[in-house]
């Protein structure tokens, strides 16, 4: 089944600099 993931930013752990498509869309 098709899906998308929307997550809040997590500074120093998953943010705009470190996030990849393996984490979220």
PDBML (XML) file of the C-alpha atoms, coordinates in Angstrom:
<?xml version="1.0" encoding="UTF-8" ?>
<PDBx:datablock datablockName="MODEL"
   xmlns:PDBx="http://pdbml.pdb.org/schema/pdbx-v50.xsd"
   xmlns:xsi="http://www.w3.org/2001/XMLSchema-instance"
   xsi:schemaLocation="http://pdbml.pdb.org/schema/pdbx-v50.xsd pdbx-v50.xsd">
   <PDBx:atom_siteCategory>
      <PDBx:atom_site id="1">
         <PDBx:B_iso_or_equiv>0.00</PDBx:B_iso_or_equiv>
         <PDBx:Cartn_x>0.000</PDBx:Cartn_x>
         <PDBx:Cartn_y>0.000</PDBx:Cartn_y>
         <PDBx:Cartn_z>0.000</PDBx:Cartn_z>
         <PDBx:auth_asym_id>A</PDBx:auth_asym_id>
         <PDBx:auth_atom_id>CA</PDBx:auth_atom_id>
         <PDBx:auth_comp_id>UNK</PDBx:auth_comp_id>
         <PDBx:auth_seq_id>1</PDBx:auth_seq_id>
         <PDBx:group_PDB>ATOM</PDBx:group_PDB>
         <PDBx:label_alt_id xsi:nil="true" />
         <PDBx:label_asym_id>A</PDBx:label_asym_id>
         <PDBx:label_atom_id>CA</PDBx:label_atom_id>
         <PDBx:label_comp_id>UNK</PDBx:label_comp_id>
         <PDBx:label_entity_id>1</PDBx:label_entity_id>
         <PDBx:label_seq_id>1</PDBx:label_seq_id>
         <PDBx:occupancy>1.00</PDBx:occupancy>
         <PDBx:pdbx_PDB_model_num>1</PDBx:pdbx_PDB_model_num>
         <PDBx:type_symbol>C</PDBx:type_symbol>
      </PDBx:atom_site>
      <PDBx:atom_site id="2">
         <PDBx:B_iso_or_equiv>0.00</PDBx:B_iso_or_equiv>
         <PDBx:Cartn_x>1.158</PDBx:Cartn_x>
         <PDBx:Cartn_y>3.533</PDBx:Cartn_y>
         <PDBx:Cartn_z>-0.750</PDBx:Cartn_z>
         <PDBx:auth_asym_id>A</PDBx:auth_asym_id>
         <PDBx:auth_atom_id>CA</PDBx:auth_atom_id>
         <PDBx:auth_comp_id>UNK</PDBx:auth_comp_id>
         <PDBx:auth_seq_id>2</PDBx:auth_seq_id>
         <PDBx:group_PDB>ATOM</PDBx:group_PDB>
         <PDBx:label_alt_id xsi:nil="true" />
         <PDBx:label_asym_id>A</PDBx:label_asym_id>
         <PDBx:label_atom_id>CA</PDBx:label_atom_id>
         <PDBx:label_comp_id>UNK</PDBx:label_comp_id>
         <PDBx:label_entity_id>1</PDBx:label_entity_id>
         <PDBx:label_seq_id>2</PDBx:label_seq_id>
         <PDBx:occupancy>1.00</PDBx:occupancy>
         <PDBx:pdbx_PDB_model_num>1</PDBx:pdbx_PDB_model_num>
         <PDBx:type_symbol>C</PDBx:type_symbol>
      </PDBx:atom_site>
      <PDBx:atom_site id="3">
         <PDBx:B_iso_or_equiv>0.00</PDBx:B_iso_or_equiv>
         <PDBx:Cartn_x>2.035</PDBx:Cartn_x>
         <PDBx:Cartn_y>5.854</PDBx:Cartn_y>
         <PDBx:Cartn_z>2.116</PDBx:Cartn_z>
         <PDBx:auth_asym_id>A</PDBx:auth_asym_id>
         <PDBx:auth_atom_id>CA</PDBx:auth_atom_id>
         <PDBx:auth_comp_id>UNK</PDBx:auth_comp_id>
         <PDBx:auth_seq_id>3</PDBx:auth_seq_id>
         <PDBx:group_PDB>ATOM</PDBx:group_PDB>
         <PDBx:label_alt_id xsi:nil="true" />
         <PDBx:label_asym_id>A</PDBx:label_asym_id>
         <PDBx:label_atom_id>CA</PDBx:label_atom_id>
         <PDBx:label_comp_id>UNK</PDBx:label_comp_id>
         <PDBx:label_entity_id>1</PDBx:label_entity_id>
         <PDBx:label_seq_id>3</PDBx:label_seq_id>
         <PDBx:occupancy>1.00</PDBx:occupancy>
         <PDBx:pdbx_PDB_model_num>1</PDBx:pdbx_PDB_model_num>
         <PDBx:type_symbol>C</PDBx:type_symbol>
      </PDBx:atom_site>
      <PDBx:atom_site id="4">
         <PDBx:B_iso_or_equiv>0.00</PDBx:B_iso_or_equiv>
         <PDBx:Cartn_x>3.590</PDBx:Cartn_x>
         <PDBx:Cartn_y>9.179</PDBx:Cartn_y>
         <PDBx:Cartn_z>3.049</PDBx:Cartn_z>
         <PDBx:auth_asym_id>A</PDBx:auth_asym_id>
         <PDBx:auth_atom_id>CA</PDBx:auth_atom_id>
         <PDBx:auth_comp_id>UNK</PDBx:auth_comp_id>
         <PDBx:auth_seq_id>4</PDBx:auth_seq_id>
         <PDBx:group_PDB>ATOM</PDBx:group_PDB>
         <PDBx:label_alt_id xsi:nil="true" />
         <PDBx:label_asym_id>A</PDBx:label_asym_id>
         <PDBx:label_atom_id>CA</PDBx:label_atom_id>
         <PDBx:label_comp_id>UNK</PDBx:label_comp_id>
         <PDBx:label_entity_id>1</PDBx:label_entity_id>
         <PDBx:label_seq_id>4</PDBx:label_seq_id>
         <PDBx:occupancy>1.00</PDBx:occupancy>
         <PDBx:pdbx_PDB_model_num>1</PDBx:pdbx_PDB_model_num>
         <PDBx:type_symbol>C</PDBx:type_symbol>
      </PDBx:atom_site>
      <PDBx:atom_site id="5">
         <PDBx:B_iso_or_equiv>0.00</PDBx:B_iso_or_equiv>
         <PDBx:Cartn_x>5.184</PDBx:Cartn_x>
         <PDBx:Cartn_y>10.320</PDBx:Cartn_y>
         <PDBx:Cartn_z>6.310</PDBx:Cartn_z>
         <PDBx:auth_asym_id>A</PDBx:auth_asym_id>
         <PDBx:auth_atom_id>CA</PDBx:auth_atom_id>
         <PDBx:auth_comp_id>UNK</PDBx:auth_comp_id>
         <PDBx:auth_seq_id>5</PDBx:auth_seq_id>
         <PDBx:group_PDB>ATOM</PDBx:group_PDB>
         <PDBx:label_alt_id xsi:nil="true" />
         <PDBx:label_asym_id>A</PDBx:label_asym_id>
         <PDBx:label_atom_id>CA</PDBx:label_atom_id>
         <PDBx:label_comp_id>UNK</PDBx:label_comp_id>
         <PDBx:label_entity_id>1</PDBx:label_entity_id>
         <PDBx:label_seq_id>5</PDBx:label_seq_id>
         <PDBx:occupancy>1.00</PDBx:occupancy>
         <PDBx:pdbx_PDB_model_num>1</PDBx:pdbx_PDB_model_num>
         <PDBx:type_symbol>C</PDBx:type_symbol>
      </PDBx:atom_site>
      <PDBx:atom_site id="6">
         <PDBx:B_iso_or_equiv>0.00</PDBx:B_iso_or_equiv>
         <PDBx:Cartn_x>5.024</PDBx:Cartn_x>
         <PDBx:Cartn_y>13.853</PDBx:Cartn_y>
         <PDBx:Cartn_z>7.734</PDBx:Cartn_z>
         <PDBx:auth_asym_id>A</PDBx:auth_asym_id>
         <PDBx:auth_atom_id>CA</PDBx:auth_atom_id>
         <PDBx:auth_comp_id>UNK</PDBx:auth_comp_id>
         <PDBx:auth_seq_id>6</PDBx:auth_seq_id>
         <PDBx:group_PDB>ATOM</PDBx:group_PDB>
         <PDBx:label_alt_id xsi:nil="true" />
         <PDBx:label_asym_id>A</PDBx:label_asym_id>
         <PDBx:label_atom_id>CA</PDBx:label_atom_id>
         <PDBx:label_comp_id>UNK</PDBx:label_comp_id>
         <PDBx:label_entity_id>1</PDBx:label_entity_id>
         <PDBx:label_seq_id>6</PDBx:label_seq_id>
         <PDBx:occupancy>1.00</PDBx:occupancy>
         <PDBx:pdbx_PDB_model_num>1</PDBx:pdbx_PDB_model_num>
         <PDBx:type_symbol>C</PDBx:type_symbol>
      </PDBx:atom_site>
      <PDBx:atom_site id="7">
         <PDBx:B_iso_or_equiv>0.00</PDBx:B_iso_or_equiv>
         <PDBx:Cartn_x>7.128</PDBx:Cartn_x>
         <PDBx:Cartn_y>14.419</PDBx:Cartn_y>
         <PDBx:Cartn_z>10.864</PDBx:Cartn_z>
         <PDBx:auth_asym_id>A</PDBx:auth_asym_id>
         <PDBx:auth_atom_id>CA</PDBx:auth_atom_id>
         <PDBx:auth_comp_id>UNK</PDBx:auth_comp_id>
         <PDBx:auth_seq_id>7</PDBx:auth_seq_id>
         <PDBx:group_PDB>ATOM</PDBx:group_PDB>
         <PDBx:label_alt_id xsi:nil="true" />
         <PDBx:label_asym_id>A</PDBx:label_asym_id>
         <PDBx:label_atom_id>CA</PDBx:label_atom_id>
         <PDBx:label_comp_id>UNK</PDBx:label_comp_id>
         <PDBx:label_entity_id>1</PDBx:label_entity_id>
         <PDBx:label_seq_id>7</PDBx:label_seq_id>
         <PDBx:occupancy>1.00</PDBx:occupancy>
         <PDBx:pdbx_PDB_model_num>1</PDBx:pdbx_PDB_model_num>
         <PDBx:type_symbol>C</PDBx:type_symbol>
      </PDBx:atom_site>
      <PDBx:atom_site id="8">
         <PDBx:B_iso_or_equiv>0.00</PDBx:B_iso_or_equiv>
         <PDBx:Cartn_x>7.924</PDBx:Cartn_x>
         <PDBx:Cartn_y>17.372</PDBx:Cartn_y>
         <PDBx:Cartn_z>13.119</PDBx:Cartn_z>
         <PDBx:auth_asym_id>A</PDBx:auth_asym_id>
         <PDBx:auth_atom_id>CA</PDBx:auth_atom_id>
         <PDBx:auth_comp_id>UNK</PDBx:auth_comp_id>
         <PDBx:auth_seq_id>8</PDBx:auth_seq_id>
         <PDBx:group_PDB>ATOM</PDBx:group_PDB>
         <PDBx:label_alt_id xsi:nil="true" />
         <PDBx:label_asym_id>A</PDBx:label_asym_id>
         <PDBx:label_atom_id>CA</PDBx:label_atom_id>
         <PDBx:label_comp_id>UNK</PDBx:label_comp_id>
         <PDBx:label_entity_id>1</PDBx:label_entity_id>
         <PDBx:label_seq_id>8</PDBx:label_seq_id>
         <PDBx:occupancy>1.00</PDBx:occupancy>
         <PDBx:pdbx_PDB_model_num>1</PDBx:pdbx_PDB_model_num>
         <PDBx:type_symbol>C</PDBx:type_symbol>
      </PDBx:atom_site>
      <PDBx:atom_site id="9">
         <PDBx:B_iso_or_equiv>0.00</PDBx:B_iso_or_equiv>
         <PDBx:Cartn_x>11.526</PDBx:Cartn_x>
         <PDBx:Cartn_y>18.529</PDBx:Cartn_y>
         <PDBx:Cartn_z>13.035</PDBx:Cartn_z>
         <PDBx:auth_asym_id>A</PDBx:auth_asym_id>
         <PDBx:auth_atom_id>CA</PDBx:auth_atom_id>
         <PDBx:auth_comp_id>UNK</PDBx:auth_comp_id>
         <PDBx:auth_seq_id>9</PDBx:auth_seq_id>
         <PDBx:group_PDB>ATOM</PDBx:group_PDB>
         <PDBx:label_alt_id xsi:nil="true" />
         <PDBx:label_asym_id>A</PDBx:label_asym_id>
         <PDBx:label_atom_id>CA</PDBx:label_atom_id>
         <PDBx:label_comp_id>UNK</PDBx:label_comp_id>
         <PDBx:label_entity_id>1</PDBx:label_entity_id>
         <PDBx:label_seq_id>9</PDBx:label_seq_id>
         <PDBx:occupancy>1.00</PDBx:occupancy>
         <PDBx:pdbx_PDB_model_num>1</PDBx:pdbx_PDB_model_num>
         <PDBx:type_symbol>C</PDBx:type_symbol>
      </PDBx:atom_site>
      <PDBx:atom_site id="10">
         <PDBx:B_iso_or_equiv>0.00</PDBx:B_iso_or_equiv>
         <PDBx:Cartn_x>13.804</PDBx:Cartn_x>
         <PDBx:Cartn_y>17.238</PDBx:Cartn_y>
         <PDBx:Cartn_z>15.796</PDBx:Cartn_z>
         <PDBx:auth_asym_id>A</PDBx:auth_asym_id>
         <PDBx:auth_atom_id>CA</PDBx:auth_atom_id>
         <PDBx:auth_comp_id>UNK</PDBx:auth_comp_id>
         <PDBx:auth_seq_id>10</PDBx:auth_seq_id>
         <PDBx:group_PDB>ATOM</PDBx:group_PDB>
         <PDBx:label_alt_id xsi:nil="true" />
         <PDBx:label_asym_id>A</PDBx:label_asym_id>
         <PDBx:label_atom_id>CA</PDBx:label_atom_id>
         <PDBx:label_comp_id>UNK</PDBx:label_comp_id>
         <PDBx:label_entity_id>1</PDBx:label_entity_id>
         <PDBx:label_seq_id>10</PDBx:label_seq_id>
         <PDBx:occupancy>1.00</PDBx:occupancy>
         <PDBx:pdbx_PDB_model_num>1</PDBx:pdbx_PDB_model_num>
         <PDBx:type_symbol>C</PDBx:type_symbol>
      </PDBx:atom_site>
      <PDBx:atom_site id="11">
         <PDBx:B_iso_or_equiv>0.00</PDBx:B_iso_or_equiv>
         <PDBx:Cartn_x>16.760</PDBx:Cartn_x>
         <PDBx:Cartn_y>19.603</PDBx:Cartn_y>
         <PDBx:Cartn_z>16.273</PDBx:Cartn_z>
         <PDBx:auth_asym_id>A</PDBx:auth_asym_id>
         <PDBx:auth_atom_id>CA</PDBx:auth_atom_id>
         <PDBx:auth_comp_id>UNK</PDBx:auth_comp_id>
         <PDBx:auth_seq_id>11</PDBx:auth_seq_id>
         <PDBx:group_PDB>ATOM</PDBx:group_PDB>
         <PDBx:label_alt_id xsi:nil="true" />
         <PDBx:label_asym_id>A</PDBx:label_asym_id>
         <PDBx:label_atom_id>CA</PDBx:label_atom_id>
         <PDBx:label_comp_id>UNK</PDBx:label_comp_id>
         <PDBx:label_entity_id>1</PDBx:label_entity_id>
         <PDBx:label_seq_id>11</PDBx:label_seq_id>
         <PDBx:occupancy>1.00</PDBx:occupancy>
         <PDBx:pdbx_PDB_model_num>1</PDBx:pdbx_PDB_model_num>
         <PDBx:type_symbol>C</PDBx:type_symbol>
      </PDBx:atom_site>
      <PDBx:atom_site id="12">
         <PDBx:B_iso_or_equiv>0.00</PDBx:B_iso_or_equiv>
         <PDBx:Cartn_x>20.136</PDBx:Cartn_x>
         <PDBx:Cartn_y>17.839</PDBx:Cartn_y>
         <PDBx:Cartn_z>16.501</PDBx:Cartn_z>
         <PDBx:auth_asym_id>A</PDBx:auth_asym_id>
         <PDBx:auth_atom_id>CA</PDBx:auth_atom_id>
         <PDBx:auth_comp_id>UNK</PDBx:auth_comp_id>
         <PDBx:auth_seq_id>12</PDBx:auth_seq_id>
         <PDBx:group_PDB>ATOM</PDBx:group_PDB>
         <PDBx:label_alt_id xsi:nil="true" />
         <PDBx:label_asym_id>A</PDBx:label_asym_id>
         <PDBx:label_atom_id>CA</PDBx:label_atom_id>
         <PDBx:label_comp_id>UNK</PDBx:label_comp_id>
         <PDBx:label_entity_id>1</PDBx:label_entity_id>
         <PDBx:label_seq_id>12</PDBx:label_seq_id>
         <PDBx:occupancy>1.00</PDBx:occupancy>
         <PDBx:pdbx_PDB_model_num>1</PDBx:pdbx_PDB_model_num>
         <PDBx:type_symbol>C</PDBx:type_symbol>
      </PDBx:atom_site>
      <PDBx:atom_site id="13">
         <PDBx:B_iso_or_equiv>0.00</PDBx:B_iso_or_equiv>
         <PDBx:Cartn_x>18.568</PDBx:Cartn_x>
         <PDBx:Cartn_y>14.466</PDBx:Cartn_y>
         <PDBx:Cartn_z>15.717</PDBx:Cartn_z>
         <PDBx:auth_asym_id>A</PDBx:auth_asym_id>
         <PDBx:auth_atom_id>CA</PDBx:auth_atom_id>
         <PDBx:auth_comp_id>UNK</PDBx:auth_comp_id>
         <PDBx:auth_seq_id>13</PDBx:auth_seq_id>
         <PDBx:group_PDB>ATOM</PDBx:group_PDB>
         <PDBx:label_alt_id xsi:nil="true" />
         <PDBx:label_asym_id>A</PDBx:label_asym_id>
         <PDBx:label_atom_id>CA</PDBx:label_atom_id>
         <PDBx:label_comp_id>UNK</PDBx:label_comp_id>
         <PDBx:label_entity_id>1</PDBx:label_entity_id>
         <PDBx:label_seq_id>13</PDBx:label_seq_id>
         <PDBx:occupancy>1.00</PDBx:occupancy>
         <PDBx:pdbx_PDB_model_num>1</PDBx:pdbx_PDB_model_num>
         <PDBx:type_symbol>C</PDBx:type_symbol>
      </PDBx:atom_site>
      <PDBx:atom_site id="14">
         <PDBx:B_iso_or_equiv>0.00</PDBx:B_iso_or_equiv>
         <PDBx:Cartn_x>16.409</PDBx:Cartn_x>
         <PDBx:Cartn_y>14.749</PDBx:Cartn_y>
         <PDBx:Cartn_z>12.617</PDBx:Cartn_z>
         <PDBx:auth_asym_id>A</PDBx:auth_asym_id>
         <PDBx:auth_atom_id>CA</PDBx:auth_atom_id>
         <PDBx:auth_comp_id>UNK</PDBx:auth_comp_id>
         <PDBx:auth_seq_id>14</PDBx:auth_seq_id>
         <PDBx:group_PDB>ATOM</PDBx:group_PDB>
         <PDBx:label_alt_id xsi:nil="true" />
         <PDBx:label_asym_id>A</PDBx:label_asym_id>
         <PDBx:label_atom_id>CA</PDBx:label_atom_id>
         <PDBx:label_comp_id>UNK</PDBx:label_comp_id>
         <PDBx:label_entity_id>1</PDBx:label_entity_id>
         <PDBx:label_seq_id>14</PDBx:label_seq_id>
         <PDBx:occupancy>1.00</PDBx:occupancy>
         <PDBx:pdbx_PDB_model_num>1</PDBx:pdbx_PDB_model_num>
         <PDBx:type_symbol>C</PDBx:type_symbol>
      </PDBx:atom_site>
      <PDBx:atom_site id="15">
         <PDBx:B_iso_or_equiv>0.00</PDBx:B_iso_or_equiv>
         <PDBx:Cartn_x>16.240</PDBx:Cartn_x>
         <PDBx:Cartn_y>18.210</PDBx:Cartn_y>
         <PDBx:Cartn_z>11.148</PDBx:Cartn_z>
         <PDBx:auth_asym_id>A</PDBx:auth_asym_id>
         <PDBx:auth_atom_id>CA</PDBx:auth_atom_id>
         <PDBx:auth_comp_id>UNK</PDBx:auth_comp_id>
         <PDBx:auth_seq_id>15</PDBx:auth_seq_id>
         <PDBx:group_PDB>ATOM</PDBx:group_PDB>
         <PDBx:label_alt_id xsi:nil="true" />
         <PDBx:label_asym_id>A</PDBx:label_asym_id>
         <PDBx:label_atom_id>CA</PDBx:label_atom_id>
         <PDBx:label_comp_id>UNK</PDBx:label_comp_id>
         <PDBx:label_entity_id>1</PDBx:label_entity_id>
         <PDBx:label_seq_id>15</PDBx:label_seq_id>
         <PDBx:occupancy>1.00</PDBx:occupancy>
         <PDBx:pdbx_PDB_model_num>1</PDBx:pdbx_PDB_model_num>
         <PDBx:type_symbol>C</PDBx:type_symbol>
      </PDBx:atom_site>
      <PDBx:atom_site id="16">
         <PDBx:B_iso_or_equiv>0.00</PDBx:B_iso_or_equiv>
         <PDBx:Cartn_x>16.322</PDBx:Cartn_x>
         <PDBx:Cartn_y>19.960</PDBx:Cartn_y>
         <PDBx:Cartn_z>7.806</PDBx:Cartn_z>
         <PDBx:auth_asym_id>A</PDBx:auth_asym_id>
         <PDBx:auth_atom_id>CA</PDBx:auth_atom_id>
         <PDBx:auth_comp_id>UNK</PDBx:auth_comp_id>
         <PDBx:auth_seq_id>16</PDBx:auth_seq_id>
         <PDBx:group_PDB>ATOM</PDBx:group_PDB>
         <PDBx:label_alt_id xsi:nil="true" />
         <PDBx:label_asym_id>A</PDBx:label_asym_id>
         <PDBx:label_atom_id>CA</PDBx:label_atom_id>
         <PDBx:label_comp_id>UNK</PDBx:label_comp_id>
         <PDBx:label_entity_id>1</PDBx:label_entity_id>
         <PDBx:label_seq_id>16</PDBx:label_seq_id>
         <PDBx:occupancy>1.00</PDBx:occupancy>
         <PDBx:pdbx_PDB_model_num>1</PDBx:pdbx_PDB_model_num>
         <PDBx:type_symbol>C</PDBx:type_symbol>
      </PDBx:atom_site>
      <PDBx:atom_site id="17">
         <PDBx:B_iso_or_equiv>0.00</PDBx:B_iso_or_equiv>
         <PDBx:Cartn_x>20.043</PDBx:Cartn_x>
         <PDBx:Cartn_y>19.264</PDBx:Cartn_y>
         <PDBx:Cartn_z>7.460</PDBx:Cartn_z>
         <PDBx:auth_asym_id>A</PDBx:auth_asym_id>
         <PDBx:auth_atom_id>CA</PDBx:auth_atom_id>
         <PDBx:auth_comp_id>UNK</PDBx:auth_comp_id>
         <PDBx:auth_seq_id>17</PDBx:auth_seq_id>
         <PDBx:group_PDB>ATOM</PDBx:group_PDB>
         <PDBx:label_alt_id xsi:nil="true" />
         <PDBx:label_asym_id>A</PDBx:label_asym_id>
         <PDBx:label_atom_id>CA</PDBx:label_atom_id>
         <PDBx:label_comp_id>UNK</PDBx:label_comp_id>
         <PDBx:label_entity_id>1</PDBx:label_entity_id>
         <PDBx:label_seq_id>17</PDBx:label_seq_id>
         <PDBx:occupancy>1.00</PDBx:occupancy>
         <PDBx:pdbx_PDB_model_num>1</PDBx:pdbx_PDB_model_num>
         <PDBx:type_symbol>C</PDBx:type_symbol>
      </PDBx:atom_site>
      <PDBx:atom_site id="18">
         <PDBx:B_iso_or_equiv>0.00</PDBx:B_iso_or_equiv>
         <PDBx:Cartn_x>20.015</PDBx:Cartn_x>
         <PDBx:Cartn_y>15.559</PDBx:Cartn_y>
         <PDBx:Cartn_z>8.340</PDBx:Cartn_z>
         <PDBx:auth_asym_id>A</PDBx:auth_asym_id>
         <PDBx:auth_atom_id>CA</PDBx:auth_atom_id>
         <PDBx:auth_comp_id>UNK</PDBx:auth_comp_id>
         <PDBx:auth_seq_id>18</PDBx:auth_seq_id>
         <PDBx:group_PDB>ATOM</PDBx:group_PDB>
         <PDBx:label_alt_id xsi:nil="true" />
         <PDBx:label_asym_id>A</PDBx:label_asym_id>
         <PDBx:label_atom_id>CA</PDBx:label_atom_id>
         <PDBx:label_comp_id>UNK</PDBx:label_comp_id>
         <PDBx:label_entity_id>1</PDBx:label_entity_id>
         <PDBx:label_seq_id>18</PDBx:label_seq_id>
         <PDBx:occupancy>1.00</PDBx:occupancy>
         <PDBx:pdbx_PDB_model_num>1</PDBx:pdbx_PDB_model_num>
         <PDBx:type_symbol>C</PDBx:type_symbol>
      </PDBx:atom_site>
      <PDBx:atom_site id="19">
         <PDBx:B_iso_or_equiv>0.00</PDBx:B_iso_or_equiv>
         <PDBx:Cartn_x>16.614</PDBx:Cartn_x>
         <PDBx:Cartn_y>14.180</PDBx:Cartn_y>
         <PDBx:Cartn_z>7.240</PDBx:Cartn_z>
         <PDBx:auth_asym_id>A</PDBx:auth_asym_id>
         <PDBx:auth_atom_id>CA</PDBx:auth_atom_id>
         <PDBx:auth_comp_id>UNK</PDBx:auth_comp_id>
         <PDBx:auth_seq_id>19</PDBx:auth_seq_id>
         <PDBx:group_PDB>ATOM</PDBx:group_PDB>
         <PDBx:label_alt_id xsi:nil="true" />
         <PDBx:label_asym_id>A</PDBx:label_asym_id>
         <PDBx:label_atom_id>CA</PDBx:label_atom_id>
         <PDBx:label_comp_id>UNK</PDBx:label_comp_id>
         <PDBx:label_entity_id>1</PDBx:label_entity_id>
         <PDBx:label_seq_id>19</PDBx:label_seq_id>
         <PDBx:occupancy>1.00</PDBx:occupancy>
         <PDBx:pdbx_PDB_model_num>1</PDBx:pdbx_PDB_model_num>
         <PDBx:type_symbol>C</PDBx:type_symbol>
      </PDBx:atom_site>
      <PDBx:atom_site id="20">
         <PDBx:B_iso_or_equiv>0.00</PDBx:B_iso_or_equiv>
         <PDBx:Cartn_x>16.459</PDBx:Cartn_x>
         <PDBx:Cartn_y>11.798</PDBx:Cartn_y>
         <PDBx:Cartn_z>4.268</PDBx:Cartn_z>
         <PDBx:auth_asym_id>A</PDBx:auth_asym_id>
         <PDBx:auth_atom_id>CA</PDBx:auth_atom_id>
         <PDBx:auth_comp_id>UNK</PDBx:auth_comp_id>
         <PDBx:auth_seq_id>20</PDBx:auth_seq_id>
         <PDBx:group_PDB>ATOM</PDBx:group_PDB>
         <PDBx:label_alt_id xsi:nil="true" />
         <PDBx:label_asym_id>A</PDBx:label_asym_id>
         <PDBx:label_atom_id>CA</PDBx:label_atom_id>
         <PDBx:label_comp_id>UNK</PDBx:label_comp_id>
         <PDBx:label_entity_id>1</PDBx:label_entity_id>
         <PDBx:label_seq_id>20</PDBx:label_seq_id>
         <PDBx:occupancy>1.00</PDBx:occupancy>
         <PDBx:pdbx_PDB_model_num>1</PDBx:pdbx_PDB_model_num>
         <PDBx:type_symbol>C</PDBx:type_symbol>
      </PDBx:atom_site>
      <PDBx:atom_site id="21">
         <PDBx:B_iso_or_equiv>0.00</PDBx:B_iso_or_equiv>
         <PDBx:Cartn_x>13.686</PDBx:Cartn_x>
         <PDBx:Cartn_y>9.976</PDBx:Cartn_y>
         <PDBx:Cartn_z>2.441</PDBx:Cartn_z>
         <PDBx:auth_asym_id>A</PDBx:auth_asym_id>
         <PDBx:auth_atom_id>CA</PDBx:auth_atom_id>
         <PDBx:auth_comp_id>UNK</PDBx:auth_comp_id>
         <PDBx:auth_seq_id>21</PDBx:auth_seq_id>
         <PDBx:group_PDB>ATOM</PDBx:group_PDB>
         <PDBx:label_alt_id xsi:nil="true" />
         <PDBx:label_asym_id>A</PDBx:label_asym_id>
         <PDBx:label_atom_id>CA</PDBx:label_atom_id>
         <PDBx:label_comp_id>UNK</PDBx:label_comp_id>
         <PDBx:label_entity_id>1</PDBx:label_entity_id>
         <PDBx:label_seq_id>21</PDBx:label_seq_id>
         <PDBx:occupancy>1.00</PDBx:occupancy>
         <PDBx:pdbx_PDB_model_num>1</PDBx:pdbx_PDB_model_num>
         <PDBx:type_symbol>C</PDBx:type_symbol>
      </PDBx:atom_site>
      <PDBx:atom_site id="22">
         <PDBx:B_iso_or_equiv>0.00</PDBx:B_iso_or_equiv>
         <PDBx:Cartn_x>14.456</PDBx:Cartn_x>
         <PDBx:Cartn_y>6.973</PDBx:Cartn_y>
         <PDBx:Cartn_z>4.654</PDBx:Cartn_z>
         <PDBx:auth_asym_id>A</PDBx:auth_asym_id>
         <PDBx:auth_atom_id>CA</PDBx:auth_atom_id>
         <PDBx:auth_comp_id>UNK</PDBx:auth_comp_id>
         <PDBx:auth_seq_id>22</PDBx:auth_seq_id>
         <PDBx:group_PDB>ATOM</PDBx:group_PDB>
         <PDBx:label_alt_id xsi:nil="true" />
         <PDBx:label_asym_id>A</PDBx:label_asym_id>
         <PDBx:label_atom_id>CA</PDBx:label_atom_id>
         <PDBx:label_comp_id>UNK</PDBx:label_comp_id>
         <PDBx:label_entity_id>1</PDBx:label_entity_id>
         <PDBx:label_seq_id>22</PDBx:label_seq_id>
         <PDBx:occupancy>1.00</PDBx:occupancy>
         <PDBx:pdbx_PDB_model_num>1</PDBx:pdbx_PDB_model_num>
         <PDBx:type_symbol>C</PDBx:type_symbol>
      </PDBx:atom_site>
      <PDBx:atom_site id="23">
         <PDBx:B_iso_or_equiv>0.00</PDBx:B_iso_or_equiv>
         <PDBx:Cartn_x>13.057</PDBx:Cartn_x>
         <PDBx:Cartn_y>9.028</PDBx:Cartn_y>
         <PDBx:Cartn_z>7.546</PDBx:Cartn_z>
         <PDBx:auth_asym_id>A</PDBx:auth_asym_id>
         <PDBx:auth_atom_id>CA</PDBx:auth_atom_id>
         <PDBx:auth_comp_id>UNK</PDBx:auth_comp_id>
         <PDBx:auth_seq_id>23</PDBx:auth_seq_id>
         <PDBx:group_PDB>ATOM</PDBx:group_PDB>
         <PDBx:label_alt_id xsi:nil="true" />
         <PDBx:label_asym_id>A</PDBx:label_asym_id>
         <PDBx:label_atom_id>CA</PDBx:label_atom_id>
         <PDBx:label_comp_id>UNK</PDBx:label_comp_id>
         <PDBx:label_entity_id>1</PDBx:label_entity_id>
         <PDBx:label_seq_id>23</PDBx:label_seq_id>
         <PDBx:occupancy>1.00</PDBx:occupancy>
         <PDBx:pdbx_PDB_model_num>1</PDBx:pdbx_PDB_model_num>
         <PDBx:type_symbol>C</PDBx:type_symbol>
      </PDBx:atom_site>
      <PDBx:atom_site id="24">
         <PDBx:B_iso_or_equiv>0.00</PDBx:B_iso_or_equiv>
         <PDBx:Cartn_x>10.117</PDBx:Cartn_x>
         <PDBx:Cartn_y>11.007</PDBx:Cartn_y>
         <PDBx:Cartn_z>6.153</PDBx:Cartn_z>
         <PDBx:auth_asym_id>A</PDBx:auth_asym_id>
         <PDBx:auth_atom_id>CA</PDBx:auth_atom_id>
         <PDBx:auth_comp_id>UNK</PDBx:auth_comp_id>
         <PDBx:auth_seq_id>24</PDBx:auth_seq_id>
         <PDBx:group_PDB>ATOM</PDBx:group_PDB>
         <PDBx:label_alt_id xsi:nil="true" />
         <PDBx:label_asym_id>A</PDBx:label_asym_id>
         <PDBx:label_atom_id>CA</PDBx:label_atom_id>
         <PDBx:label_comp_id>UNK</PDBx:label_comp_id>
         <PDBx:label_entity_id>1</PDBx:label_entity_id>
         <PDBx:label_seq_id>24</PDBx:label_seq_id>
         <PDBx:occupancy>1.00</PDBx:occupancy>
         <PDBx:pdbx_PDB_model_num>1</PDBx:pdbx_PDB_model_num>
         <PDBx:type_symbol>C</PDBx:type_symbol>
      </PDBx:atom_site>
      <PDBx:atom_site id="25">
         <PDBx:B_iso_or_equiv>0.00</PDBx:B_iso_or_equiv>
         <PDBx:Cartn_x>8.613</PDBx:Cartn_x>
         <PDBx:Cartn_y>12.601</PDBx:Cartn_y>
         <PDBx:Cartn_z>3.061</PDBx:Cartn_z>
         <PDBx:auth_asym_id>A</PDBx:auth_asym_id>
         <PDBx:auth_atom_id>CA</PDBx:auth_atom_id>
         <PDBx:auth_comp_id>UNK</PDBx:auth_comp_id>
         <PDBx:auth_seq_id>25</PDBx:auth_seq_id>
         <PDBx:group_PDB>ATOM</PDBx:group_PDB>
         <PDBx:label_alt_id xsi:nil="true" />
         <PDBx:label_asym_id>A</PDBx:label_asym_id>
         <PDBx:label_atom_id>CA</PDBx:label_atom_id>
         <PDBx:label_comp_id>UNK</PDBx:label_comp_id>
         <PDBx:label_entity_id>1</PDBx:label_entity_id>
         <PDBx:label_seq_id>25</PDBx:label_seq_id>
         <PDBx:occupancy>1.00</PDBx:occupancy>
         <PDBx:pdbx_PDB_model_num>1</PDBx:pdbx_PDB_model_num>
         <PDBx:type_symbol>C</PDBx:type_symbol>
      </PDBx:atom_site>
   </PDBx:atom_siteCategory>
</PDBx:datablock>
